[in-house]
């Protein structure tokens, strides 16, 4: 099942507290970037973020985005914009910056 355009638009709206969010379509799903850093994506109408030490404190559930992929964290409280902003920032802190 691919992600609906409506759900993608909803998630992008929920992330509007962050200035530099970009979204790229990929095979019916969407990759999400903050300041050019890939932090997660929207898979089957689920917002998932990469697992890093800096976001483990949010006690999120692990899920597989697609077959044969590494587990990611499911962000299930997508209605809380402040929490979403915090999770994205903390996730990006734990990811390597590409040069």
N, C-alpha and C. Protein backbone atom coordinates (compact mmCIF):
# COMPACT_ATOMS: atom_id res chain seq x y z
N UNK A 1 0.84 -1.19 0.00
CA UNK A 1 0.00 0.00 0.00
C UNK A 1 0.88 1.24 0.00
N UNK A 2 0.68 2.10 -0.93
CA UNK A 2 1.45 3.35 -1.01
C UNK A 2 0.81 4.42 -0.13
N UNK A 3 1.60 5.40 0.21
CA UNK A 3 1.13 6.52 1.01
C UNK A 3 0.23 7.42 0.17
N UNK A 4 -0.86 7.87 0.76
CA UNK A 4 -1.77 8.76 0.04
C UNK A 4 -1.21 10.19 0.01
N UNK A 5 -1.54 10.91 -1.02
CA UNK A 5 -1.13 12.31 -1.14
C UNK A 5 -1.68 13.12 0.02
N UNK A 6 -2.89 12.80 0.45
CA UNK A 6 -3.51 13.53 1.56
C UNK A 6 -2.71 13.35 2.85
N UNK A 7 -2.26 12.13 3.12
CA UNK A 7 -1.48 11.89 4.33
C UNK A 7 -0.13 12.60 4.25
N UNK A 8 0.50 12.55 3.10
CA UNK A 8 1.78 13.26 2.92
C UNK A 8 1.60 14.74 3.19
N UNK A 9 0.57 15.34 2.62
CA UNK A 9 0.30 16.78 2.83
C UNK A 9 0.04 17.08 4.30
N UNK A 10 -0.70 16.19 4.98
CA UNK A 10 -0.97 16.35 6.41
C UNK A 10 0.33 16.36 7.21
N UNK A 11 1.21 15.40 6.95
CA UNK A 11 2.48 15.32 7.68
C UNK A 11 3.33 16.56 7.41
N UNK A 12 3.40 16.99 6.17
CA UNK A 12 4.18 18.20 5.87
C UNK A 12 3.61 19.41 6.59
N UNK A 13 2.31 19.48 6.70
CA UNK A 13 1.66 20.56 7.44
C UNK A 13 2.03 20.47 8.93
N UNK A 14 2.06 19.27 9.45
CA UNK A 14 2.41 19.08 10.87
C UNK A 14 3.87 19.44 11.14
N UNK A 15 4.72 19.37 10.13
CA UNK A 15 6.15 19.69 10.28
C UNK A 15 6.45 21.15 9.96
N UNK A 16 5.42 21.98 9.82
CA UNK A 16 5.65 23.36 9.38
C UNK A 16 6.35 24.25 10.41
N UNK A 17 6.59 23.77 11.63
CA UNK A 17 7.37 24.53 12.60
C UNK A 17 8.86 24.49 12.27
N UNK A 18 9.24 23.59 11.38
CA UNK A 18 10.63 23.47 10.93
C UNK A 18 10.75 24.11 9.54
N UNK A 19 11.70 25.02 9.39
CA UNK A 19 11.81 25.80 8.14
C UNK A 19 12.30 25.01 6.94
N UNK A 20 13.22 24.11 7.13
CA UNK A 20 13.92 23.51 5.99
C UNK A 20 13.56 22.05 5.78
N UNK A 21 12.26 21.72 5.77
CA UNK A 21 11.82 20.35 5.49
C UNK A 21 11.63 20.20 3.99
N UNK A 22 12.21 19.16 3.43
CA UNK A 22 11.96 18.84 2.03
C UNK A 22 11.49 17.39 1.95
N UNK A 23 10.74 17.12 0.90
CA UNK A 23 10.12 15.81 0.72
C UNK A 23 10.38 15.36 -0.71
N UNK A 24 10.86 14.14 -0.85
CA UNK A 24 11.12 13.58 -2.18
C UNK A 24 10.34 12.28 -2.35
N UNK A 25 9.62 12.17 -3.45
CA UNK A 25 8.86 10.96 -3.74
C UNK A 25 9.81 9.84 -4.15
N UNK A 26 9.49 8.61 -3.68
CA UNK A 26 10.29 7.45 -4.05
C UNK A 26 9.39 6.22 -4.03
N UNK A 27 9.06 5.72 -5.19
CA UNK A 27 8.29 4.48 -5.35
C UNK A 27 7.00 4.45 -4.51
N UNK A 28 6.22 5.51 -4.57
CA UNK A 28 4.95 5.57 -3.86
C UNK A 28 5.05 6.00 -2.42
N UNK A 29 6.26 6.21 -1.96
CA UNK A 29 6.48 6.67 -0.59
C UNK A 29 7.25 7.98 -0.64
N UNK A 30 7.61 8.53 0.53
CA UNK A 30 8.25 9.84 0.57
C UNK A 30 9.40 9.87 1.56
N UNK A 31 10.54 10.38 1.11
CA UNK A 31 11.70 10.58 1.98
C UNK A 31 11.63 11.99 2.53
N UNK A 32 11.99 12.16 3.80
CA UNK A 32 11.93 13.46 4.45
C UNK A 32 13.33 13.91 4.87
N UNK A 33 13.62 15.17 4.59
CA UNK A 33 14.92 15.77 4.89
C UNK A 33 14.71 17.02 5.72
N UNK A 34 15.63 17.26 6.66
CA UNK A 34 15.65 18.51 7.42
C UNK A 34 17.03 19.10 7.25
N UNK A 35 17.10 20.30 6.70
CA UNK A 35 18.38 20.95 6.39
C UNK A 35 19.29 20.03 5.57
N UNK A 36 18.69 19.31 4.64
CA UNK A 36 19.44 18.43 3.75
C UNK A 36 19.80 17.07 4.33
N UNK A 37 19.40 16.80 5.57
CA UNK A 37 19.72 15.52 6.23
C UNK A 37 18.50 14.61 6.16
N UNK A 38 18.68 13.42 5.59
CA UNK A 38 17.61 12.43 5.51
C UNK A 38 17.37 11.87 6.91
N UNK A 39 16.21 12.18 7.49
CA UNK A 39 15.92 11.74 8.85
C UNK A 39 14.83 10.68 8.92
N UNK A 40 14.06 10.52 7.86
CA UNK A 40 12.98 9.55 7.90
C UNK A 40 12.14 9.59 6.65
N UNK A 41 10.91 9.11 6.78
CA UNK A 41 10.04 9.11 5.61
C UNK A 41 8.62 8.76 5.98
N UNK A 42 7.79 8.80 4.97
CA UNK A 42 6.39 8.45 5.12
C UNK A 42 6.20 7.16 4.31
N UNK A 43 5.86 6.09 5.02
CA UNK A 43 5.73 4.77 4.42
C UNK A 43 4.37 4.19 4.79
N UNK A 44 3.57 3.84 3.81
CA UNK A 44 2.25 3.25 4.06
C UNK A 44 1.44 4.06 5.07
N UNK A 45 1.41 5.38 4.87
CA UNK A 45 0.68 6.30 5.75
C UNK A 45 1.15 6.23 7.20
N UNK A 46 2.47 6.06 7.36
CA UNK A 46 3.10 6.08 8.69
C UNK A 46 4.32 6.99 8.62
N UNK A 47 4.49 7.84 9.63
CA UNK A 47 5.69 8.67 9.73
C UNK A 47 6.73 7.87 10.51
N UNK A 48 7.86 7.59 9.86
CA UNK A 48 8.95 6.84 10.48
C UNK A 48 10.22 7.67 10.46
N UNK A 49 11.00 7.57 11.55
CA UNK A 49 12.29 8.26 11.62
C UNK A 49 13.38 7.24 11.89
N UNK A 50 14.60 7.59 11.48
CA UNK A 50 15.74 6.70 11.70
C UNK A 50 15.99 6.53 13.19
N UNK A 51 16.51 5.38 13.56
CA UNK A 51 16.83 5.08 14.95
C UNK A 51 18.25 5.56 15.24
N UNK A 52 18.38 6.48 16.18
CA UNK A 52 19.68 6.98 16.63
C UNK A 52 19.64 7.12 18.15
N UNK A 53 20.79 7.20 18.78
CA UNK A 53 20.84 7.32 20.24
C UNK A 53 20.08 8.53 20.75
N UNK A 54 20.13 9.63 20.02
CA UNK A 54 19.53 10.88 20.50
C UNK A 54 18.00 10.88 20.48
N UNK A 55 17.36 9.91 19.82
CA UNK A 55 15.88 9.90 19.83
C UNK A 55 15.31 8.68 20.57
N UNK A 56 16.16 7.89 21.19
CA UNK A 56 15.68 6.72 21.94
C UNK A 56 14.86 7.12 23.15
N UNK A 57 15.08 8.32 23.68
CA UNK A 57 14.37 8.78 24.88
C UNK A 57 12.86 8.94 24.66
N UNK A 58 12.42 8.97 23.41
CA UNK A 58 10.99 9.14 23.11
C UNK A 58 10.23 7.82 23.17
N UNK A 59 10.94 6.71 23.37
CA UNK A 59 10.34 5.40 23.56
C UNK A 59 9.32 5.06 22.45
N UNK A 60 9.77 5.22 21.22
CA UNK A 60 8.90 4.94 20.07
C UNK A 60 9.02 3.47 19.67
N UNK A 61 8.01 2.97 19.04
CA UNK A 61 7.94 1.58 18.60
C UNK A 61 8.73 1.40 17.30
N UNK A 62 9.47 0.31 17.21
CA UNK A 62 10.20 0.00 15.97
C UNK A 62 9.25 -0.63 14.95
N UNK A 63 9.40 -0.21 13.70
CA UNK A 63 8.65 -0.81 12.60
C UNK A 63 9.54 -0.87 11.37
N UNK A 64 9.18 -1.77 10.47
CA UNK A 64 9.92 -1.93 9.22
C UNK A 64 9.19 -1.09 8.15
N UNK A 65 9.90 -0.17 7.49
CA UNK A 65 9.24 0.67 6.48
C UNK A 65 8.79 -0.10 5.24
N UNK A 66 9.61 -1.05 4.82
CA UNK A 66 9.30 -1.89 3.66
C UNK A 66 10.16 -3.15 3.78
N UNK A 67 9.82 -4.17 3.02
CA UNK A 67 10.51 -5.46 3.09
C UNK A 67 12.01 -5.30 2.90
N UNK A 68 12.77 -5.96 3.75
CA UNK A 68 14.24 -6.01 3.76
C UNK A 68 14.90 -4.69 4.19
N UNK A 69 14.15 -3.76 4.76
CA UNK A 69 14.72 -2.50 5.24
C UNK A 69 15.07 -2.61 6.72
N UNK A 70 15.94 -1.73 7.17
CA UNK A 70 16.28 -1.65 8.59
C UNK A 70 15.08 -1.08 9.35
N UNK A 71 14.92 -1.48 10.62
CA UNK A 71 13.82 -0.92 11.41
C UNK A 71 13.99 0.59 11.60
N UNK A 72 12.87 1.25 11.77
CA UNK A 72 12.82 2.68 12.06
C UNK A 72 11.84 2.88 13.20
N UNK A 73 11.82 4.08 13.75
CA UNK A 73 10.85 4.38 14.80
C UNK A 73 9.57 4.95 14.21
N UNK A 74 8.45 4.48 14.71
CA UNK A 74 7.14 5.00 14.33
C UNK A 74 6.81 6.20 15.21
N UNK A 75 6.50 7.32 14.58
CA UNK A 75 6.04 8.50 15.31
C UNK A 75 4.52 8.41 15.29
N UNK A 76 3.94 8.03 16.42
CA UNK A 76 2.49 7.83 16.40
C UNK A 76 1.69 9.05 16.85
N UNK A 77 2.33 10.03 17.50
CA UNK A 77 1.63 11.25 17.90
C UNK A 77 1.90 12.35 16.88
N UNK A 78 1.34 12.19 15.69
CA UNK A 78 1.60 13.15 14.61
C UNK A 78 0.76 14.43 14.75
N UNK A 79 -0.13 14.47 15.73
CA UNK A 79 -0.94 15.67 15.94
C UNK A 79 -0.22 16.72 16.79
N UNK A 80 0.84 16.33 17.47
CA UNK A 80 1.58 17.23 18.36
C UNK A 80 2.76 17.85 17.61
N UNK A 81 2.55 19.06 17.08
CA UNK A 81 3.58 19.71 16.25
C UNK A 81 4.88 19.98 17.02
N UNK A 82 4.76 20.39 18.27
CA UNK A 82 5.95 20.67 19.07
C UNK A 82 6.79 19.41 19.29
N UNK A 83 6.11 18.30 19.58
CA UNK A 83 6.81 17.03 19.76
C UNK A 83 7.45 16.58 18.46
N UNK A 84 6.75 16.72 17.35
CA UNK A 84 7.32 16.35 16.05
C UNK A 84 8.59 17.14 15.77
N UNK A 85 8.54 18.43 16.02
CA UNK A 85 9.71 19.29 15.81
C UNK A 85 10.89 18.78 16.64
N UNK A 86 10.62 18.49 17.91
CA UNK A 86 11.66 18.01 18.82
C UNK A 86 12.24 16.68 18.34
N UNK A 87 11.39 15.76 17.93
CA UNK A 87 11.85 14.44 17.46
C UNK A 87 12.72 14.58 16.22
N UNK A 88 12.32 15.43 15.28
CA UNK A 88 13.11 15.62 14.05
C UNK A 88 14.48 16.21 14.39
N UNK A 89 14.51 17.23 15.23
CA UNK A 89 15.78 17.86 15.60
C UNK A 89 16.69 16.87 16.32
N UNK A 90 16.13 16.13 17.28
CA UNK A 90 16.93 15.14 18.01
C UNK A 90 17.42 14.01 17.10
N UNK A 91 16.58 13.59 16.16
CA UNK A 91 16.99 12.55 15.22
C UNK A 91 18.17 13.04 14.37
N UNK A 92 18.05 14.25 13.86
CA UNK A 92 19.12 14.80 13.00
C UNK A 92 20.42 15.01 13.78
N UNK A 93 20.33 15.30 15.06
CA UNK A 93 21.55 15.45 15.89
C UNK A 93 22.36 14.16 15.91
N UNK A 94 21.68 13.03 15.82
CA UNK A 94 22.36 11.74 15.89
C UNK A 94 22.81 11.19 14.54
N UNK A 95 22.51 11.91 13.47
CA UNK A 95 22.86 11.43 12.12
C UNK A 95 24.12 12.14 11.63
N UNK A 96 24.94 11.44 10.85
CA UNK A 96 26.14 12.07 10.29
C UNK A 96 25.76 13.13 9.25
N UNK A 97 26.52 14.20 9.24
CA UNK A 97 26.31 15.28 8.26
C UNK A 97 27.17 14.99 7.04
N UNK A 98 26.52 14.95 5.88
CA UNK A 98 27.26 14.71 4.64
C UNK A 98 27.93 15.99 4.19
N UNK A 99 29.14 15.85 3.66
CA UNK A 99 29.89 17.03 3.21
C UNK A 99 29.80 17.17 1.72
